[in-house]
Amino acid sequence: MEKILIADDNVQITKILSEFAKKENFEPVVAYNGEEVLELFGQHKFSVVLLDVMMPVKDGFEVCREIRRVSNVPIIMITARGEDFERIMGLDIGADDYIVKPFSGNEVMARVRAVLRRIDCPKQVGGANCISYSNLSVNLDNASVTVGGQAITLTKKELEILWTLLKNRGKIFSRDNLLSDLWGYDYYGDSRTVDSHIKRLRAKLGKVPHPNWQIKTIWGMGYKFEGN
């Protein structure tokens, strides 16, 4: 049975989410503070993490950063305020999705299903499992990316975006195109989700010089992979 890590300092919320998770055939594991999340994460293999922002000891942002150093597990951030800066920050540091309190258990599980459905998306979108351009190589068989021979660690969603743009280099993808293709019609977010993932993807790829290609912003239209 797949495990889901539910992290929130509100006992009632963890109980409700645990019951809904069981109905989806997940084994829920509960944490009530940030340090406990990281301890449990080191002990178990989780398919997805529900991570509250406002937790004691270590908040959700700090925990998300630490998890992203070692794992690409899907992370859904939970925020009470619903303020833009919290949602954008969560996406910028590696979260795959966010949800705002108050929420229904059914909505949360719909988000979980949507995230997990997209894990193997690149193989459906891309066709062949390896592609290279200049000093960039992407191998979907082992989810590896190298620039100039140096390994670049990407999340699954970042890999999906890179693969889609690279495979269709020169073609402009609007934010809505990418949301529809990679997150799915049932995604609850908005175009800023795409912007945050592109920003993080560029930062990672930018660790190694690549003067012959770039992920270019086409103002008012979207993004494309452009080679020289």
C-alpha atoms as a PDB file:
ATOM      1  CA  MET A   1       0.000   0.000   0.000  1.00  0.00           C
ATOM      2  CA  GLU A   2       1.339   3.432  -0.944  1.00  0.00           C
ATOM      3  CA  LYS A   3       2.048   5.804   1.919  1.00  0.00           C
ATOM      4  CA  ILE A   4       1.028   9.443   2.185  1.00  0.00           C
ATOM      5  CA  LEU A   5       2.651  11.807   4.680  1.00  0.00           C
ATOM      6  CA  ILE A   6       0.155  14.240   6.221  1.00  0.00           C
ATOM      7  CA  ALA A   7       1.823  17.125   8.057  1.00  0.00           C
ATOM      8  CA  ASP A   8      -0.299  19.574  10.044  1.00  0.00           C
ATOM      9  CA  ASP A   9      -0.285  20.663  13.691  1.00  0.00           C
ATOM     10  CA  ASN A  10      -4.103  20.599  13.765  1.00  0.00           C
ATOM     11  CA  VAL A  11      -5.107  17.143  15.021  1.00  0.00           C
ATOM     12  CA  GLN A  12      -8.633  17.417  13.635  1.00  0.00           C
ATOM     13  CA  ILE A  13      -7.354  18.192  10.143  1.00  0.00           C
ATOM     14  CA  THR A  14      -4.929  15.246  10.185  1.00  0.00           C
ATOM     15  CA  LYS A  15      -7.727  12.912  11.287  1.00  0.00           C
ATOM     16  CA  ILE A  16     -10.015  14.077   8.496  1.00  0.00           C
ATOM     17  CA  LEU A  17      -7.314  13.838   5.837  1.00  0.00           C
ATOM     18  CA  SER A  18      -6.248  10.428   7.123  1.00  0.00           C
ATOM     19  CA  GLU A  19      -9.785   9.076   6.728  1.00  0.00           C
ATOM     20  CA  PHE A  20     -10.047  10.379   3.172  1.00  0.00           C
ATOM     21  CA  ALA A  21      -6.597   8.998   2.367  1.00  0.00           C
ATOM     22  CA  LYS A  22      -7.635   5.540   3.587  1.00  0.00           C
ATOM     23  CA  LYS A  23     -10.648   5.647   1.254  1.00  0.00           C
ATOM     24  CA  GLU A  24      -8.175   6.214  -1.600  1.00  0.00           C
ATOM     25  CA  ASN A  25      -6.194   3.148  -0.454  1.00  0.00           C
ATOM     26  CA  PHE A  26      -3.297   5.122   1.000  1.00  0.00           C
ATOM     27  CA  GLU A  27      -1.617   4.357   4.287  1.00  0.00           C
ATOM     28  CA  PRO A  28      -1.535   7.715   6.104  1.00  0.00           C
ATOM     29  CA  VAL A  29       1.457   8.672   8.244  1.00  0.00           C
ATOM     30  CA  VAL A  30       0.960  11.813  10.354  1.00  0.00           C
ATOM     31  CA  ALA A  31       3.418  14.471  11.535  1.00  0.00           C
ATOM     32  CA  TYR A  32       2.626  17.489  13.710  1.00  0.00           C
ATOM     33  CA  ASN A  33       5.774  19.613  13.327  1.00  0.00           C
ATOM     34  CA  GLY A  34       8.522  20.177  10.792  1.00  0.00           C
ATOM     35  CA  GLU A  35      11.213  18.146  12.492  1.00  0.00           C
ATOM     36  CA  GLU A  36       8.862  15.192  12.797  1.00  0.00           C
ATOM     37  CA  VAL A  37       8.154  15.433   9.055  1.00  0.00           C
ATOM     38  CA  LEU A  38      11.841  15.148   8.197  1.00  0.00           C
ATOM     39  CA  GLU A  39      12.361  12.307  10.674  1.00  0.00           C
ATOM     40  CA  LEU A  40       9.470  10.304   9.230  1.00  0.00           C
ATOM     41  CA  PHE A  41      10.545  11.112   5.677  1.00  0.00           C
ATOM     42  CA  GLY A  42      13.876   9.473   6.377  1.00  0.00           C
ATOM     43  CA  GLN A  43      12.172   6.335   7.721  1.00  0.00           C
ATOM     44  CA  HIS A  44       9.508   5.678   5.080  1.00  0.00           C
ATOM     45  CA  LYS A  45       8.982   5.834   1.333  1.00  0.00           C
ATOM     46  CA  PHE A  46       6.096   8.153   0.526  1.00  0.00           C
ATOM     47  CA  SER A  47       4.201   8.565  -2.728  1.00  0.00           C
ATOM     48  CA  VAL A  48       3.073  12.100  -1.876  1.00  0.00           C
ATOM     49  CA  VAL A  49       3.431  14.652   0.937  1.00  0.00           C
ATOM     50  CA  LEU A  50       0.697  17.010   2.191  1.00  0.00           C
ATOM     51  CA  LEU A  51       2.628  19.767   3.915  1.00  0.00           C
ATOM     52  CA  ASP A  52       1.109  22.552   6.011  1.00  0.00           C
ATOM     53  CA  VAL A  53       2.923  25.891   5.807  1.00  0.00           C
ATOM     54  CA  MET A  54       2.377  27.041   9.390  1.00  0.00           C
ATOM     55  CA  MET A  55       3.899  24.305  11.540  1.00  0.00           C
ATOM     56  CA  PRO A  56       5.904  24.557  14.775  1.00  0.00           C
ATOM     57  CA  VAL A  57       9.667  23.939  15.088  1.00  0.00           C
ATOM     58  CA  LYS A  58      10.215  24.138  11.310  1.00  0.00           C
ATOM     59  CA  ASP A  59       7.671  25.633   8.941  1.00  0.00           C
ATOM     60  CA  GLY A  60       6.522  24.024   5.709  1.00  0.00           C
ATOM     61  CA  PHE A  61       8.768  26.156   3.510  1.00  0.00           C
ATOM     62  CA  GLU A  62      11.916  25.059   5.347  1.00  0.00           C
ATOM     63  CA  VAL A  63      10.783  21.431   5.305  1.00  0.00           C
ATOM     64  CA  CYS A  64       9.999  21.589   1.582  1.00  0.00           C
ATOM     65  CA  ARG A  65      13.482  22.934   0.852  1.00  0.00           C
ATOM     66  CA  GLU A  66      15.125  20.144   2.839  1.00  0.00           C
ATOM     67  CA  ILE A  67      13.045  17.430   1.181  1.00  0.00           C
ATOM     68  CA  ARG A  68      13.869  18.830  -2.253  1.00  0.00           C
ATOM     69  CA  ARG A  69      17.577  18.448  -1.544  1.00  0.00           C
ATOM     70  CA  VAL A  70      17.157  14.681  -1.433  1.00  0.00           C
ATOM     71  CA  SER A  71      13.898  13.758  -3.161  1.00  0.00           C
ATOM     72  CA  ASN A  72      11.520  14.619  -6.003  1.00  0.00           C
ATOM     73  CA  VAL A  73       8.470  13.211  -4.194  1.00  0.00           C
ATOM     74  CA  PRO A  74       5.290  15.171  -5.079  1.00  0.00           C
ATOM     75  CA  ILE A  75       4.592  17.847  -2.441  1.00  0.00           C
ATOM     76  CA  ILE A  76       1.262  19.641  -2.012  1.00  0.00           C
ATOM     77  CA  MET A  77       1.512  22.684   0.245  1.00  0.00           C
ATOM     78  CA  ILE A  78      -1.396  23.624   2.518  1.00  0.00           C
ATOM     79  CA  THR A  79      -1.826  27.273   3.503  1.00  0.00           C
ATOM     80  CA  ALA A  80      -4.358  28.876   5.824  1.00  0.00           C
ATOM     81  CA  ARG A  81      -4.057  32.417   4.514  1.00  0.00           C
ATOM     82  CA  GLY A  82      -4.268  31.812   0.804  1.00  0.00           C
ATOM     83  CA  GLU A  83      -2.039  34.811   0.180  1.00  0.00           C
ATOM     84  CA  ASP A  84      -0.292  35.025  -3.152  1.00  0.00           C
ATOM     85  CA  PHE A  85       3.221  35.292  -1.741  1.00  0.00           C
ATOM     86  CA  GLU A  86       2.818  32.030   0.196  1.00  0.00           C
ATOM     87  CA  ARG A  87       1.594  30.122  -2.830  1.00  0.00           C
ATOM     88  CA  ILE A  88       4.272  31.549  -5.111  1.00  0.00           C
ATOM     89  CA  MET A  89       7.013  30.912  -2.549  1.00  0.00           C
ATOM     90  CA  GLY A  90       5.894  27.303  -2.166  1.00  0.00           C
ATOM     91  CA  LEU A  91       6.053  26.746  -5.913  1.00  0.00           C
ATOM     92  CA  ASP A  92       9.396  28.536  -6.172  1.00  0.00           C
ATOM     93  CA  ILE A  93      11.041  26.214  -3.635  1.00  0.00           C
ATOM     94  CA  GLY A  94       9.778  23.030  -5.248  1.00  0.00           C
ATOM     95  CA  ALA A  95       6.154  22.301  -4.308  1.00  0.00           C
ATOM     96  CA  ASP A  96       4.067  20.695  -7.055  1.00  0.00           C
ATOM     97  CA  ASP A  97       0.741  22.183  -6.010  1.00  0.00           C
ATOM     98  CA  TYR A  98      -0.935  24.121  -3.210  1.00  0.00           C
ATOM     99  CA  ILE A  99      -4.316  24.144  -1.541  1.00  0.00           C
ATOM    100  CA  VAL A 100      -5.924  26.798   0.636  1.00  0.00           C
ATOM    101  CA  LYS A 101      -7.771  26.245   3.912  1.00  0.00           C
ATOM    102  CA  PRO A 102     -10.638  25.694   4.400  1.00  0.00           C
ATOM    103  CA  PHE A 103     -10.881  22.772   1.990  1.00  0.00           C
ATOM    104  CA  SER A 104     -12.837  19.570   1.576  1.00  0.00           C
ATOM    105  CA  GLY A 105     -11.240  16.159   1.881  1.00  0.00           C
ATOM    106  CA  ASN A 106     -12.510  15.270  -1.574  1.00  0.00           C
ATOM    107  CA  GLU A 107     -10.751  18.302  -3.058  1.00  0.00           C
ATOM    108  CA  VAL A 108      -7.459  17.348  -1.443  1.00  0.00           C
ATOM    109  CA  MET A 109      -7.673  13.799  -2.755  1.00  0.00           C
ATOM    110  CA  ALA A 110      -8.495  15.131  -6.224  1.00  0.00           C
ATOM    111  CA  ARG A 111      -5.276  17.148  -6.082  1.00  0.00           C
ATOM    112  CA  VAL A 112      -3.353  14.064  -4.976  1.00  0.00           C
ATOM    113  CA  ARG A 113      -4.760  12.012  -7.855  1.00  0.00           C
ATOM    114  CA  ALA A 114      -3.941  14.775 -10.349  1.00  0.00           C
ATOM    115  CA  VAL A 115      -0.324  15.031  -9.162  1.00  0.00           C
ATOM    116  CA  LEU A 116       0.235  11.278  -9.238  1.00  0.00           C
ATOM    117  CA  ARG A 117      -1.323  10.911 -12.696  1.00  0.00           C
ATOM    118  CA  ARG A 118       1.313  13.247 -14.092  1.00  0.00           C
ATOM    119  CA  ILE A 119       4.368  11.454 -12.703  1.00  0.00           C
ATOM    120  CA  ASP A 120       5.042   9.508 -15.921  1.00  0.00           C
ATOM    121  CA  CYS A 121       3.680  12.182 -18.230  1.00  0.00           C
ATOM    122  CA  PRO A 122       6.898  12.789 -20.218  1.00  0.00           C
ATOM    123  CA  LYS A 123       6.872   9.274 -21.661  1.00  0.00           C
ATOM    124  CA  GLN A 124       3.324   9.861 -22.902  1.00  0.00           C
ATOM    125  CA  VAL A 125       4.138  13.272 -24.339  1.00  0.00           C
ATOM    126  CA  GLY A 126       7.602  12.742 -25.718  1.00  0.00           C
ATOM    127  CA  GLY A 127       7.808   9.457 -27.571  1.00  0.00           C
ATOM    128  CA  ALA A 128      11.510   8.522 -27.705  1.00  0.00           C
ATOM    129  CA  ASN A 129      13.148   8.324 -24.305  1.00  0.00           C
ATOM    130  CA  CYS A 130      16.361  10.274 -24.994  1.00  0.00           C
ATOM    131  CA  ILE A 131      16.997  13.594 -26.646  1.00  0.00           C
ATOM    132  CA  SER A 132      19.994  15.923 -26.865  1.00  0.00           C
ATOM    133  CA  TYR A 133      20.654  19.431 -28.092  1.00  0.00           C
ATOM    134  CA  SER A 134      24.064  21.061 -27.992  1.00  0.00           C
ATOM    135  CA  ASN A 135      25.409  20.361 -24.466  1.00  0.00           C
ATOM    136  CA  LEU A 136      21.972  19.417 -23.068  1.00  0.00           C
ATOM    137  CA  SER A 137      20.910  15.769 -22.727  1.00  0.00           C
ATOM    138  CA  VAL A 138      17.659  14.413 -21.301  1.00  0.00           C
ATOM    139  CA  ASN A 139      17.143  10.709 -20.599  1.00  0.00           C
ATOM    140  CA  LEU A 140      13.636   9.732 -19.521  1.00  0.00           C
ATOM    141  CA  ASP A 141      14.558   6.125 -18.787  1.00  0.00           C
ATOM    142  CA  ASN A 142      16.424   7.202 -15.676  1.00  0.00           C
ATOM    143  CA  ALA A 143      15.001  10.750 -15.353  1.00  0.00           C
ATOM    144  CA  SER A 144      18.468  12.255 -15.800  1.00  0.00           C
ATOM    145  CA  VAL A 145      19.427  15.628 -17.221  1.00  0.00           C
ATOM    146  CA  THR A 146      22.962  16.786 -17.968  1.00  0.00           C
ATOM    147  CA  VAL A 147      24.316  20.111 -19.180  1.00  0.00           C
ATOM    148  CA  GLY A 148      27.909  19.976 -20.401  1.00  0.00           C
ATOM    149  CA  GLY A 149      28.213  16.541 -18.815  1.00  0.00           C
ATOM    150  CA  GLN A 150      27.184  17.842 -15.384  1.00  0.00           C
ATOM    151  CA  ALA A 151      24.129  16.232 -13.802  1.00  0.00           C
ATOM    152  CA  ILE A 152      21.216  18.573 -13.051  1.00  0.00           C
ATOM    153  CA  THR A 153      18.622  17.387 -10.536  1.00  0.00           C
ATOM    154  CA  LEU A 154      15.077  18.281 -11.569  1.00  0.00           C
ATOM    155  CA  THR A 155      11.692  17.560 -10.078  1.00  0.00           C
ATOM    156  CA  LYS A 156       9.295  15.482 -12.158  1.00  0.00           C
ATOM    157  CA  LYS A 157       7.332  18.563 -13.171  1.00  0.00           C
ATOM    158  CA  GLU A 158      10.472  20.461 -14.171  1.00  0.00           C
ATOM    159  CA  LEU A 159      11.544  17.457 -16.232  1.00  0.00           C
ATOM    160  CA  GLU A 160       8.133  17.365 -17.941  1.00  0.00           C
ATOM    161  CA  ILE A 161       8.355  21.042 -18.861  1.00  0.00           C
ATOM    162  CA  LEU A 162      11.920  20.733 -20.183  1.00  0.00           C
ATOM    163  CA  TRP A 163      11.087  17.626 -22.203  1.00  0.00           C
ATOM    164  CA  THR A 164       7.985  19.209 -23.728  1.00  0.00           C
ATOM    165  CA  LEU A 165       9.784  22.401 -24.744  1.00  0.00           C
ATOM    166  CA  LEU A 166      12.904  20.595 -25.976  1.00  0.00           C
ATOM    167  CA  LYS A 167      10.993  17.984 -27.959  1.00  0.00           C
ATOM    168  CA  ASN A 168       9.035  20.759 -29.648  1.00  0.00           C
ATOM    169  CA  ARG A 169      11.852  23.306 -29.863  1.00  0.00           C
ATOM    170  CA  GLY A 170      10.882  26.482 -31.630  1.00  0.00           C
ATOM    171  CA  LYS A 171       7.203  26.030 -30.815  1.00  0.00           C
ATOM    172  CA  ILE A 172       5.638  28.535 -28.423  1.00  0.00           C
ATOM    173  CA  PHE A 173       3.656  27.064 -25.534  1.00  0.00           C
ATOM    174  CA  SER A 174       1.281  29.361 -23.702  1.00  0.00           C
ATOM    175  CA  ARG A 175       0.912  29.004 -19.945  1.00  0.00           C
ATOM    176  CA  ASP A 176      -2.532  27.521 -20.517  1.00  0.00           C
ATOM    177  CA  ASN A 177      -1.056  25.003 -22.999  1.00  0.00           C
ATOM    178  CA  LEU A 178       1.451  23.805 -20.403  1.00  0.00           C
ATOM    179  CA  LEU A 179      -1.130  23.716 -17.621  1.00  0.00           C
ATOM    180  CA  SER A 180      -3.453  21.633 -19.777  1.00  0.00           C
ATOM    181  CA  ASP A 181      -0.778  19.296 -21.160  1.00  0.00           C
ATOM    182  CA  LEU A 182       1.242  18.705 -17.995  1.00  0.00           C
ATOM    183  CA  TRP A 183      -1.052  19.403 -15.064  1.00  0.00           C
ATOM    184  CA  GLY A 184      -4.300  18.293 -16.705  1.00  0.00           C
ATOM    185  CA  TYR A 185      -7.737  19.778 -17.162  1.00  0.00           C
ATOM    186  CA  ASP A 186      -8.594  19.122 -13.505  1.00  0.00           C
ATOM    187  CA  TYR A 187      -5.713  21.233 -12.174  1.00  0.00           C
ATOM    188  CA  TYR A 188      -6.922  23.896  -9.756  1.00  0.00           C
ATOM    189  CA  GLY A 189      -4.024  26.327 -10.045  1.00  0.00           C
ATOM    190  CA  ASP A 190      -3.294  29.256 -12.337  1.00  0.00           C
ATOM    191  CA  SER A 191      -0.665  30.408 -14.800  1.00  0.00           C
ATOM    192  CA  ARG A 192       1.680  31.575 -12.042  1.00  0.00           C
ATOM    193  CA  THR A 193       2.304  27.905 -11.352  1.00  0.00           C
ATOM    194  CA  VAL A 194       3.949  27.622 -14.777  1.00  0.00           C
ATOM    195  CA  ASP A 195       5.963  30.809 -14.255  1.00  0.00           C
ATOM    196  CA  SER A 196       7.315  29.540 -10.919  1.00  0.00           C
ATOM    197  CA  HIS A 197       8.364  26.192 -12.363  1.00  0.00           C
ATOM    198  CA  ILE A 198      10.027  27.852 -15.369  1.00  0.00           C
ATOM    199  CA  LYS A 199      11.923  30.204 -13.063  1.00  0.00           C
ATOM    200  CA  ARG A 200      13.195  27.300 -10.964  1.00  0.00           C
ATOM    201  CA  LEU A 201      14.052  25.239 -14.052  1.00  0.00           C
ATOM    202  CA  ARG A 202      16.084  28.086 -15.547  1.00  0.00           C
ATOM    203  CA  ALA A 203      17.957  28.589 -12.285  1.00  0.00           C
ATOM    204  CA  LYS A 204      18.991  24.926 -12.166  1.00  0.00           C
ATOM    205  CA  LEU A 205      19.980  24.729 -15.828  1.00  0.00           C
ATOM    206  CA  GLY A 206      21.847  28.012 -15.466  1.00  0.00           C
ATOM    207  CA  LYS A 207      24.401  26.436 -13.130  1.00  0.00           C
ATOM    208  CA  VAL A 208      26.288  25.369 -16.268  1.00  0.00           C
ATOM    209  CA  PRO A 209      26.862  27.755 -19.210  1.00  0.00           C
ATOM    210  CA  HIS A 210      24.748  26.963 -22.278  1.00  0.00           C
ATOM    211  CA  PRO A 211      25.236  29.772 -24.813  1.00  0.00           C
ATOM    212  CA  ASN A 212      23.701  27.818 -27.693  1.00  0.00           C
ATOM    213  CA  TRP A 213      20.210  27.438 -26.278  1.00  0.00           C
ATOM    214  CA  GLN A 214      17.734  28.913 -23.831  1.00  0.00           C
ATOM    215  CA  ILE A 215      14.195  28.659 -22.531  1.00  0.00           C
ATOM    216  CA  LYS A 216      12.907  31.940 -23.888  1.00  0.00           C
ATOM    217  CA  THR A 217       9.961  34.012 -22.749  1.00  0.00           C
ATOM    218  CA  ILE A 218       7.812  35.257 -25.624  1.00  0.00           C
ATOM    219  CA  TRP A 219       6.046  38.191 -24.032  1.00  0.00           C
ATOM    220  CA  GLY A 220       2.284  37.980 -24.216  1.00  0.00           C
ATOM    221  CA  MET A 221       2.435  34.456 -25.636  1.00  0.00           C
ATOM    222  CA  GLY A 222       4.375  32.013 -23.466  1.00  0.00           C
ATOM    223  CA  TYR A 223       7.635  30.042 -23.581  1.00  0.00           C
ATOM    224  CA  LYS A 224       9.735  28.150 -26.116  1.00  0.00           C
ATOM    225  CA  PHE A 225      13.030  26.289 -26.319  1.00  0.00           C
ATOM    226  CA  GLU A 226      15.275  28.276 -28.649  1.00  0.00           C
ATOM    227  CA  GLY A 227      18.576  27.117 -30.082  1.00  0.00           C
ATOM    228  CA  ASN A 228      21.222  29.121 -31.876  1.00  0.00           C
END
